[in-house]
Amino acid sequence: MLDKGETGIAVRIEGARVLVGHDVVETSVTVANGKIAEIGGGVADRSIDGRGLFLAPALVDIHGDAFERQVMPRPKVFFPMDAAILDTDRQLAGNGIATAYHALTLSWEPGLRAVDRGEAFLNGLAALQGRLTVENRVQLRWETFAFEALDLIKRALEAPLLPSIAFNDHTSMTMRDYDVPVQTRLFEHAPDFAILDPSDPRFARKTNNYQRAGMSPEDYGTRLLEIWERRPDVPGVMADVAARGRVKGAPMLSHDDTQVETRDFYRGLGACISEFPMQTHVAQSARDNGDHIIFGAPNVVRGGSHIGSPSAADMVEAGLCDALASDYFYPAMLAAVARLNVEKRAPLPRLWSLVSRGPAVASGLTDRGEIAPGKRADLVLVDWPTDGTPAIRMTMSAGCIAYGTGF
């Protein structure tokens, strides 16, 4: 196996069915110095037998929070951060993901999504960089009412691996009127945004995140109402964070857009990625304005959204999806491509782009996501029998084998 100490060795993967551009062809790919050196030839020091396998660009995960299960495998049970990060890294490699943006929620909640927990995660990633097998990046999944996170966001934007910034407003989502469906709620800062009555007995059911936060339902409800008092100041703070993101060139996303007005607002801040739009016409507006559109791969695998949002498979078929994210389950990315391929929603090269080139382009990572000379050698060999379930046989990250079975 080629490890990080052998990047000067040229390796040729031979005889695989290779995804090159818009075609799948049987050829060889030579890798040297962490990059794709040649397609169809090249001198190599080692060879890997790819016969009977499918060779494609490695997966790029633009939004994944499954790492939270390693950090807190049971409610209020936390594991050491280094162990959680190392295990997550190995899970990524085993699922063919060579680039991952960990959706690190920075919230006003205590517990799993507290700012100090986020700081520990960032510190752990920095300390473990030399031992990680794939590229672990961070999506600063910022709850916009969490002013506590501002210093950490500023620091994270100075890191060697530039993070993305996702604007999340689960606070307003939780505070919406009881009778307003989550998918059709108004733009959160619209003057006629309808809010709940906290004296209504249903308020307790609105505070169902209390276990994750390690609080009682009553204390969580009290804290939520205290945080809601920040609402007049939130747009100004968002504008400041967005300005910092623009200066650094960070990819910026809005989360769970429900209205065209919402998408327009975030585009105005420079957030040109719509992550999980909750209505079809909002996704269409994003497309019409040149935004990138992200849906969750689990939505495809399960046959639809678990909360009633648009079918990601339908969005793919309609040309309203540029990338599929793992969301909360890393294996979902490969499984989603397989299901979409069986359903013939689009040609395989376009489907594979949803988990490789599409998220790479949206994230500004133009050095990866396709098999072409000079590109970063992030590759996967897939055992994919006809009409069978695909499985990763090898993941290569910057020319090094991060995961391999039989190599």
Foldseek 3Di string as FASTA:
>chain_A
DFAPVRQQFKEKEAQAQEDAPPHTHGAIWIHHNQFTADIRDDDGPYYHYQHLWYKWFFFAFQEEAQLLCLQPVDQPRGDQLLVSVQVVLLVCFQLRHQHYAYEQEDDPFAASNHLVNVVSNVVSCVVCVVPGLHHYHYEHAYQLLPPVNVVVLLVQCPDPRHYAYEYEHVLLLLFADPPDASQAQDQSPPPPRHGYDCVDPCNLVSQVCCRNRVHDSVVSSVVSVVSVVCVVVRVVVLLVSLVSCVVSVFAYEYEQARDLVNQVVVVVSVNQEYEQHQEPVNLVSSVVVVGAYEYELVCQLVVHDPRNGGRVLVCVLVVSHQAHHPYNHSNSLLSSLVSSVVVCSDDSSSSLRNGFVSSCVSRVNPQGRHNDRRRRPFMWIWNDDVVDRIGTAWTAHSRGTSDHDPD
